[in-house]
C-alpha atoms as a PDB file:
ATOM      1  CA  MET A   1     -41.719 180.950 140.845  1.00  0.00           C
ATOM      2  CA  HIS A   2     -39.382 178.065 141.000  1.00  0.00           C
ATOM      3  CA  ASP A   3     -38.456 176.926 144.511  1.00  0.00           C
ATOM      4  CA  ILE A   4     -34.651 176.941 144.604  1.00  0.00           C
ATOM      5  CA  ARG A   5     -34.603 175.048 147.880  1.00  0.00           C
ATOM      6  CA  SER A   6     -36.610 172.159 146.476  1.00  0.00           C
ATOM      7  CA  ALA A   7     -34.669 172.159 143.163  1.00  0.00           C
ATOM      8  CA  ARG A   8     -31.258 171.627 144.753  1.00  0.00           C
ATOM      9  CA  PRO A   9     -32.126 168.290 146.429  1.00  0.00           C
ATOM     10  CA  ARG A  10     -33.769 167.070 143.191  1.00  0.00           C
ATOM     11  CA  SER A  11     -30.673 168.042 141.213  1.00  0.00           C
ATOM     12  CA  ARG A  12     -28.450 166.216 143.651  1.00  0.00           C
ATOM     13  CA  ARG A  13     -30.722 163.169 143.446  1.00  0.00           C
ATOM     14  CA  ARG A  14     -30.553 163.183 139.625  1.00  0.00           C
ATOM     15  CA  ARG A  15     -26.763 163.385 139.678  1.00  0.00           C
ATOM     16  CA  LEU A  16     -26.577 160.547 142.210  1.00  0.00           C
ATOM     17  CA  ALA A  17     -28.936 158.390 140.146  1.00  0.00           C
ATOM     18  CA  THR A  18     -26.905 159.015 137.002  1.00  0.00           C
ATOM     19  CA  LEU A  19     -23.651 158.138 138.800  1.00  0.00           C
ATOM     20  CA  THR A  20     -25.193 154.996 140.293  1.00  0.00           C
ATOM     21  CA  ALA A  21     -26.467 153.864 136.886  1.00  0.00           C
ATOM     22  CA  ALA A  22     -23.018 154.358 135.353  1.00  0.00           C
ATOM     23  CA  ILE A  23     -21.417 152.325 138.102  1.00  0.00           C
ATOM     24  CA  VAL A  24     -23.992 149.533 137.687  1.00  0.00           C
ATOM     25  CA  CYS A  25     -23.466 149.421 133.896  1.00  0.00           C
ATOM     26  CA  ALA A  26     -19.733 149.292 134.262  1.00  0.00           C
ATOM     27  CA  ALA A  27     -19.975 146.527 136.852  1.00  0.00           C
ATOM     28  CA  THR A  28     -22.362 144.565 134.666  1.00  0.00           C
ATOM     29  CA  ALA A  29     -20.098 144.870 131.679  1.00  0.00           C
ATOM     30  CA  TRP A  30     -17.081 143.715 133.724  1.00  0.00           C
ATOM     31  CA  VAL A  31     -18.939 140.723 135.189  1.00  0.00           C
ATOM     32  CA  GLY A  32     -20.226 139.646 131.780  1.00  0.00           C
ATOM     33  CA  ALA A  33     -16.881 139.868 130.086  1.00  0.00           C
ATOM     34  CA  PRO A  34     -14.945 136.614 129.605  1.00  0.00           C
ATOM     35  CA  ALA A  35     -12.206 136.028 132.093  1.00  0.00           C
ATOM     36  CA  ALA A  36      -8.812 137.095 130.901  1.00  0.00           C
ATOM     37  CA  THR A  37      -6.657 134.167 129.783  1.00  0.00           C
ATOM     38  CA  ALA A  38      -3.105 134.032 130.950  1.00  0.00           C
ATOM     39  CA  ALA A  39      -0.669 134.399 128.078  1.00  0.00           C
ATOM     40  CA  PRO A  40       0.839 131.019 127.162  1.00  0.00           C
ATOM     41  CA  ALA A  41       4.378 130.450 128.233  1.00  0.00           C
ATOM     42  CA  PRO A  42       6.769 130.940 125.362  1.00  0.00           C
ATOM     43  CA  ALA A  43       7.662 127.714 123.592  1.00  0.00           C
ATOM     44  CA  ASP A  44      11.006 126.196 124.450  1.00  0.00           C
ATOM     45  CA  LEU A  45      12.989 126.839 121.310  1.00  0.00           C
ATOM     46  CA  THR A  46      16.152 125.295 122.664  1.00  0.00           C
ATOM     47  CA  PRO A  47      17.248 122.516 120.287  1.00  0.00           C
ATOM     48  CA  ALA A  48      17.083 119.031 121.736  1.00  0.00           C
ATOM     49  CA  ALA A  49      20.453 118.025 123.060  1.00  0.00           C
ATOM     50  CA  ALA A  50      22.275 115.668 120.716  1.00  0.00           C
ATOM     51  CA  ALA A  51      23.275 112.297 122.040  1.00  0.00           C
ATOM     52  CA  GLY A  52      26.666 112.615 123.611  1.00  0.00           C
ATOM     53  CA  PRO A  53      29.706 110.778 122.339  1.00  0.00           C
ATOM     54  CA  VAL A  54      30.112 107.161 123.328  1.00  0.00           C
ATOM     55  CA  SER A  55      33.291 105.535 124.565  1.00  0.00           C
ATOM     56  CA  PRO A  56      36.096 105.253 121.993  1.00  0.00           C
ATOM     57  CA  ALA A  57      37.362 102.062 123.654  1.00  0.00           C
ATOM     58  CA  LEU A  58      37.451  99.132 121.245  1.00  0.00           C
ATOM     59  CA  ILE A  59      34.743  96.543 121.861  1.00  0.00           C
ATOM     60  CA  THR A  60      36.067  92.997 122.160  1.00  0.00           C
ATOM     61  CA  THR A  61      33.429  91.316 124.317  1.00  0.00           C
ATOM     62  CA  THR A  62      29.843  90.145 124.096  1.00  0.00           C
ATOM     63  CA  ALA A  63      26.988  91.930 125.796  1.00  0.00           C
ATOM     64  CA  HIS A  64      26.586  89.124 128.342  1.00  0.00           C
ATOM     65  CA  PRO A  65      29.108  87.048 130.310  1.00  0.00           C
ATOM     66  CA  GLY A  66      29.737  83.316 130.186  1.00  0.00           C
ATOM     67  CA  ASN A  67      29.970  80.951 127.253  1.00  0.00           C
ATOM     68  CA  GLN A  68      28.825  83.484 124.696  1.00  0.00           C
ATOM     69  CA  VAL A  69      30.294  84.393 121.332  1.00  0.00           C
ATOM     70  CA  ALA A  70      29.398  87.159 118.868  1.00  0.00           C
ATOM     71  CA  LEU A  71      29.489  86.586 115.121  1.00  0.00           C
ATOM     72  CA  THR A  72      30.316  89.542 112.883  1.00  0.00           C
ATOM     73  CA  PHE A  73      30.589  89.624 109.093  1.00  0.00           C
ATOM     74  CA  ASP A  74      32.647  92.162 107.136  1.00  0.00           C
ATOM     75  CA  ASP A  75      32.834  93.640 103.632  1.00  0.00           C
ATOM     76  CA  GLY A  76      29.275  92.995 102.479  1.00  0.00           C
ATOM     77  CA  PRO A  77      26.636  92.831 101.546  1.00  0.00           C
ATOM     78  CA  SER A  78      26.914  90.275  98.761  1.00  0.00           C
ATOM     79  CA  SER A  79      24.130  89.175  96.468  1.00  0.00           C
ATOM     80  CA  GLN A  80      25.425  85.583  96.592  1.00  0.00           C
ATOM     81  CA  TYR A  81      26.671  84.891 100.128  1.00  0.00           C
ATOM     82  CA  THR A  82      24.746  87.305 102.341  1.00  0.00           C
ATOM     83  CA  PRO A  83      21.408  85.581 101.576  1.00  0.00           C
ATOM     84  CA  GLN A  84      22.971  82.194 102.353  1.00  0.00           C
ATOM     85  CA  LEU A  85      24.317  83.432 105.671  1.00  0.00           C
ATOM     86  CA  LEU A  86      20.960  84.955 106.532  1.00  0.00           C
ATOM     87  CA  GLN A  87      19.324  81.610 105.859  1.00  0.00           C
ATOM     88  CA  VAL A  88      21.806  79.824 108.135  1.00  0.00           C
ATOM     89  CA  LEU A  89      21.370  82.365 110.918  1.00  0.00           C
ATOM     90  CA  ARG A  90      17.599  82.242 110.573  1.00  0.00           C
ATOM     91  CA  LYS A  91      17.612  78.445 110.763  1.00  0.00           C
ATOM     92  CA  HIS A  92      19.584  78.533 114.025  1.00  0.00           C
ATOM     93  CA  GLN A  93      17.824  81.640 115.410  1.00  0.00           C
ATOM     94  CA  VAL A  94      21.109  83.510 115.827  1.00  0.00           C
ATOM     95  CA  LYS A  95      21.577  87.262 115.505  1.00  0.00           C
ATOM     96  CA  ALA A  96      24.811  88.741 114.177  1.00  0.00           C
ATOM     97  CA  VAL A  97      26.444  92.027 113.195  1.00  0.00           C
ATOM     98  CA  PHE A  98      26.980  92.905 109.529  1.00  0.00           C
ATOM     99  CA  CYS A  99      29.739  95.457 108.890  1.00  0.00           C
ATOM    100  CA  LEU A 100      28.771  97.116 105.617  1.00  0.00           C
ATOM    101  CA  VAL A 101      30.956  98.825 103.031  1.00  0.00           C
ATOM    102  CA  GLY A 102      29.282 101.882 101.497  1.00  0.00           C
ATOM    103  CA  GLU A 103      30.173 101.026  97.908  1.00  0.00           C
ATOM    104  CA  GLN A 104      28.680  97.558  98.322  1.00  0.00           C
ATOM    105  CA  VAL A 105      25.524  99.006  99.830  1.00  0.00           C
ATOM    106  CA  GLU A 106      25.008 101.243  96.778  1.00  0.00           C
ATOM    107  CA  TRP A 107      24.139  98.316  94.542  1.00  0.00           C
ATOM    108  CA  GLN A 108      23.010  95.820  97.197  1.00  0.00           C
ATOM    109  CA  GLN A 109      20.275  97.788  98.956  1.00  0.00           C
ATOM    110  CA  ALA A 110      17.921  94.813  98.903  1.00  0.00           C
ATOM    111  CA  GLN A 111      20.437  92.802 100.917  1.00  0.00           C
ATOM    112  CA  VAL A 112      20.699  95.574 103.527  1.00  0.00           C
ATOM    113  CA  ARG A 113      16.931  95.529 103.871  1.00  0.00           C
ATOM    114  CA  ALA A 114      16.995  91.727 104.240  1.00  0.00           C
ATOM    115  CA  ILE A 115      19.645  91.951 106.977  1.00  0.00           C
ATOM    116  CA  VAL A 116      17.576  94.469 108.923  1.00  0.00           C
ATOM    117  CA  ALA A 117      14.321  92.586 108.344  1.00  0.00           C
ATOM    118  CA  ASP A 118      15.876  89.507 109.972  1.00  0.00           C
ATOM    119  CA  GLY A 119      16.730  91.520 113.081  1.00  0.00           C
ATOM    120  CA  HIS A 120      20.498  91.722 112.679  1.00  0.00           C
ATOM    121  CA  THR A 121      22.609  94.702 113.705  1.00  0.00           C
ATOM    122  CA  LEU A 122      24.513  97.014 111.361  1.00  0.00           C
ATOM    123  CA  CYS A 123      28.059  98.310 111.532  1.00  0.00           C
ATOM    124  CA  ASN A 124      29.697 101.036 109.435  1.00  0.00           C
ATOM    125  CA  HIS A 125      32.791  99.603 107.698  1.00  0.00           C
ATOM    126  CA  THR A 126      33.776 102.758 105.732  1.00  0.00           C
ATOM    127  CA  TYR A 127      32.831 103.653 102.210  1.00  0.00           C
ATOM    128  CA  ARG A 128      35.675 102.124 100.180  1.00  0.00           C
ATOM    129  CA  HIS A 129      37.335  99.817 102.710  1.00  0.00           C
ATOM    130  CA  ARG A 130      40.503 101.889 102.863  1.00  0.00           C
ATOM    131  CA  ASP A 131      43.260 101.801 105.440  1.00  0.00           C
ATOM    132  CA  LEU A 132      42.639 104.606 107.956  1.00  0.00           C
ATOM    133  CA  THR A 133      46.104 104.633 109.521  1.00  0.00           C
ATOM    134  CA  THR A 134      47.092 108.054 108.176  1.00  0.00           C
ATOM    135  CA  VAL A 135      43.678 109.502 107.309  1.00  0.00           C
ATOM    136  CA  SER A 136      42.801 112.809 108.974  1.00  0.00           C
ATOM    137  CA  PRO A 137      39.917 113.015 111.473  1.00  0.00           C
ATOM    138  CA  ALA A 138      37.969 115.283 109.107  1.00  0.00           C
ATOM    139  CA  ASP A 139      38.248 112.783 106.260  1.00  0.00           C
ATOM    140  CA  ILE A 140      37.339 109.891 108.547  1.00  0.00           C
ATOM    141  CA  GLU A 141      34.234 111.744 109.708  1.00  0.00           C
ATOM    142  CA  ALA A 142      33.200 112.486 106.121  1.00  0.00           C
ATOM    143  CA  ASP A 143      33.675 108.818 105.210  1.00  0.00           C
ATOM    144  CA  ILE A 144      31.607 107.599 108.159  1.00  0.00           C
ATOM    145  CA  GLN A 145      28.826 110.078 107.403  1.00  0.00           C
ATOM    146  CA  GLN A 146      28.800 109.128 103.720  1.00  0.00           C
ATOM    147  CA  THR A 147      28.558 105.431 104.578  1.00  0.00           C
ATOM    148  CA  ASN A 148      25.776 106.011 107.096  1.00  0.00           C
ATOM    149  CA  ALA A 149      23.866 108.025 104.510  1.00  0.00           C
ATOM    150  CA  GLN A 150      24.218 105.238 101.967  1.00  0.00           C
ATOM    151  CA  ILE A 151      22.976 102.634 104.450  1.00  0.00           C
ATOM    152  CA  ARG A 152      20.008 104.804 105.430  1.00  0.00           C
ATOM    153  CA  ALA A 153      19.163 105.360 101.791  1.00  0.00           C
ATOM    154  CA  ALA A 154      18.425 101.626 101.758  1.00  0.00           C
ATOM    155  CA  VAL A 155      16.752 101.521 105.186  1.00  0.00           C
ATOM    156  CA  PRO A 156      15.690 105.009 106.336  1.00  0.00           C
ATOM    157  CA  GLY A 157      16.270 105.703 110.012  1.00  0.00           C
ATOM    158  CA  VAL A 158      17.977 102.391 110.735  1.00  0.00           C
ATOM    159  CA  GLU A 159      20.214 102.276 113.802  1.00  0.00           C
ATOM    160  CA  ILE A 160      23.947 101.880 113.112  1.00  0.00           C
ATOM    161  CA  PRO A 161      25.540 101.407 116.539  1.00  0.00           C
ATOM    162  CA  TYR A 162      29.028 100.243 115.516  1.00  0.00           C
ATOM    163  CA  PHE A 163      31.997 101.266 113.412  1.00  0.00           C
ATOM    164  CA  ARG A 164      34.819  98.972 112.330  1.00  0.00           C
ATOM    165  CA  ALA A 165      38.055 100.085 110.662  1.00  0.00           C
ATOM    166  CA  PRO A 166      39.220  97.985 107.697  1.00  0.00           C
ATOM    167  CA  TYR A 167      42.126  95.642 108.444  1.00  0.00           C
ATOM    168  CA  GLY A 168      41.963  96.678 112.095  1.00  0.00           C
ATOM    169  CA  ASN A 169      44.059  99.736 111.174  1.00  0.00           C
ATOM    170  CA  TRP A 170      42.192 102.215 113.324  1.00  0.00           C
ATOM    171  CA  GLY A 171      44.311 105.360 113.105  1.00  0.00           C
ATOM    172  CA  GLN A 172      42.301 108.171 114.692  1.00  0.00           C
ATOM    173  CA  SER A 173      38.950 106.602 113.833  1.00  0.00           C
ATOM    174  CA  PRO A 174      37.905 105.359 117.311  1.00  0.00           C
ATOM    175  CA  ALA A 175      37.605 108.904 118.681  1.00  0.00           C
ATOM    176  CA  VAL A 176      35.939 110.189 115.500  1.00  0.00           C
ATOM    177  CA  ALA A 177      33.428 107.340 115.405  1.00  0.00           C
ATOM    178  CA  ALA A 178      32.678 107.670 119.113  1.00  0.00           C
ATOM    179  CA  ASN A 179      32.024 111.380 118.729  1.00  0.00           C
ATOM    180  CA  LEU A 180      29.428 110.488 116.079  1.00  0.00           C
ATOM    181  CA  GLY A 181      27.787 107.991 118.447  1.00  0.00           C
ATOM    182  CA  LEU A 182      29.257 104.791 116.947  1.00  0.00           C
ATOM    183  CA  ARG A 183      31.118 102.310 119.123  1.00  0.00           C
ATOM    184  CA  PRO A 184      34.396 101.014 117.615  1.00  0.00           C
ATOM    185  CA  LEU A 185      33.890  97.270 117.177  1.00  0.00           C
ATOM    186  CA  SER A 186      37.016  95.113 117.158  1.00  0.00           C
ATOM    187  CA  TRP A 187      37.380  91.331 117.603  1.00  0.00           C
ATOM    188  CA  THR A 188      39.181  88.593 119.484  1.00  0.00           C
ATOM    189  CA  LEU A 189      39.351  86.122 116.583  1.00  0.00           C
ATOM    190  CA  MET A 190      39.710  86.517 112.835  1.00  0.00           C
ATOM    191  CA  PRO A 191      40.307  83.001 111.482  1.00  0.00           C
ATOM    192  CA  GLY A 192      41.372  84.057 107.980  1.00  0.00           C
ATOM    193  CA  ASP A 193      38.418  82.789 105.997  1.00  0.00           C
ATOM    194  CA  TRP A 194      39.639  84.836 102.992  1.00  0.00           C
ATOM    195  CA  GLU A 195      42.525  82.352 102.682  1.00  0.00           C
ATOM    196  CA  LEU A 196      39.988  79.668 101.673  1.00  0.00           C
ATOM    197  CA  PRO A 197      41.648  76.991 103.816  1.00  0.00           C
ATOM    198  CA  GLY A 198      38.749  74.543 103.439  1.00  0.00           C
ATOM    199  CA  VAL A 199      35.669  74.192 105.625  1.00  0.00           C
ATOM    200  CA  ASP A 200      37.259  71.666 108.003  1.00  0.00           C
ATOM    201  CA  VAL A 201      40.366  73.785 108.561  1.00  0.00           C
ATOM    202  CA  LEU A 202      38.321  76.956 108.992  1.00  0.00           C
ATOM    203  CA  LEU A 203      36.052  75.238 111.486  1.00  0.00           C
ATOM    204  CA  GLN A 204      39.070  74.002 113.453  1.00  0.00           C
ATOM    205  CA  ARG A 205      40.523  77.514 113.508  1.00  0.00           C
ATOM    206  CA  LEU A 206      37.247  78.723 114.965  1.00  0.00           C
ATOM    207  CA  ARG A 207      37.230  75.982 117.607  1.00  0.00           C
ATOM    208  CA  ASP A 208      40.822  76.764 118.565  1.00  0.00           C
ATOM    209  CA  GLY A 209      40.280  80.493 118.805  1.00  0.00           C
ATOM    210  CA  ILE A 210      36.840  80.987 120.301  1.00  0.00           C
ATOM    211  CA  THR A 211      36.862  82.063 123.956  1.00  0.00           C
ATOM    212  CA  PRO A 212      33.995  82.996 126.291  1.00  0.00           C
ATOM    213  CA  THR A 213      32.596  86.468 125.481  1.00  0.00           C
ATOM    214  CA  GLY A 214      34.733  86.636 122.321  1.00  0.00           C
ATOM    215  CA  VAL A 215      33.942  88.480 119.101  1.00  0.00           C
ATOM    216  CA  VAL A 216      34.590  86.599 115.833  1.00  0.00           C
ATOM    217  CA  THR A 217      35.143  88.324 112.499  1.00  0.00           C
ATOM    218  CA  LEU A 218      34.313  86.511 109.250  1.00  0.00           C
ATOM    219  CA  HIS A 219      33.372  87.784 105.791  1.00  0.00           C
ATOM    220  CA  ASP A 220      30.260  87.612 103.618  1.00  0.00           C
ATOM    221  CA  ALA A 221      31.761  89.397 100.595  1.00  0.00           C
ATOM    222  CA  GLY A 222      35.072  90.213  98.938  1.00  0.00           C
ATOM    223  CA  GLY A 223      35.550  86.819  97.307  1.00  0.00           C
ATOM    224  CA  ASP A 224      34.342  83.232  97.481  1.00  0.00           C
ATOM    225  CA  ARG A 225      32.655  82.893 100.874  1.00  0.00           C
ATOM    226  CA  GLN A 226      31.003  79.506 100.513  1.00  0.00           C
ATOM    227  CA  GLN A 227      33.426  77.985 103.013  1.00  0.00           C
ATOM    228  CA  THR A 228      32.440  80.667 105.502  1.00  0.00           C
ATOM    229  CA  VAL A 229      28.747  79.938 105.070  1.00  0.00           C
ATOM    230  CA  ASP A 230      29.268  76.192 105.541  1.00  0.00           C
ATOM    231  CA  ALA A 231      31.632  76.601 108.501  1.00  0.00           C
ATOM    232  CA  VAL A 232      29.228  78.940 110.301  1.00  0.00           C
ATOM    233  CA  ASP A 233      26.386  76.451 109.856  1.00  0.00           C
ATOM    234  CA  ARG A 234      28.441  73.683 111.439  1.00  0.00           C
ATOM    235  CA  LEU A 235      29.881  75.944 114.132  1.00  0.00           C
ATOM    236  CA  ILE A 236      26.507  77.091 115.415  1.00  0.00           C
ATOM    237  CA  THR A 237      25.169  73.535 115.494  1.00  0.00           C
ATOM    238  CA  GLU A 238      28.207  72.301 117.399  1.00  0.00           C
ATOM    239  CA  TYR A 239      28.463  75.122 119.915  1.00  0.00           C
ATOM    240  CA  LYS A 240      24.768  75.245 120.679  1.00  0.00           C
ATOM    241  CA  ALA A 241      24.943  71.506 121.425  1.00  0.00           C
ATOM    242  CA  LYS A 242      27.697  72.307 123.948  1.00  0.00           C
ATOM    243  CA  GLY A 243      25.507  74.914 125.659  1.00  0.00           C
ATOM    244  CA  TRP A 244      27.034  78.041 124.167  1.00  0.00           C
ATOM    245  CA  GLY A 245      25.010  81.120 123.305  1.00  0.00           C
ATOM    246  CA  PHE A 246      25.407  83.465 120.360  1.00  0.00           C
ATOM    247  CA  ASP A 247      25.244  87.030 121.587  1.00  0.00           C
ATOM    248  CA  LEU A 248      25.720  90.525 120.188  1.00  0.00           C
ATOM    249  CA  PRO A 249      28.782  92.605 121.085  1.00  0.00           C
ATOM    250  CA  SER A 250      28.593  94.896 124.069  1.00  0.00           C
ATOM    251  CA  ARG A 251      27.290  98.457 123.610  1.00  0.00           C
END
């Protein structure tokens, strides 16, 4: 006959052993499992903030004070005169700003690349060199964007820090250009090289009009610019001998 008294303790012991084994297995499984990895923080999908607008104030000074002058060249590039100017500037180790017309850039891409390769700075001078006096802001913006696109088709990603309105007829373009991140670049002296007054007369006009920290506007396209090339060569030689520096415009 089965002893009920002895069976009860054995039954309790079996149940306890089974429970203990289950606990040990569960603990072993938990310890052996790889540690849980914290979920990665969600990626920041906020678009990078665009560069804010720059000042719409017209630039008329060099980047540095003192006997400094900035040379800027409008209406190019030209297959004939831009290379000559680049050679003169390279010879004298002077950097300048080239204000490019979009239509010229279309068929003179090699000259744009040469300008950039020599370390000069670019300026947007509109697509067709039109008077902006009565042009709407929307049309001005479209023109600036079209010109920038044409320039960057020649030199992808190139920086274009300045904008210059043809004839100095700015209209509403300073605010539009500034909102696009381009500083409106004006001048303190435009000696009328398009009048073809002769190299000596042009050089004297430059001497008479240059002031410390001034910005000079000349032309490397739009007509015969040989006098400009020759006058610039002589000007740089003369002014460097007098201790002047050739700077870029302020930014």
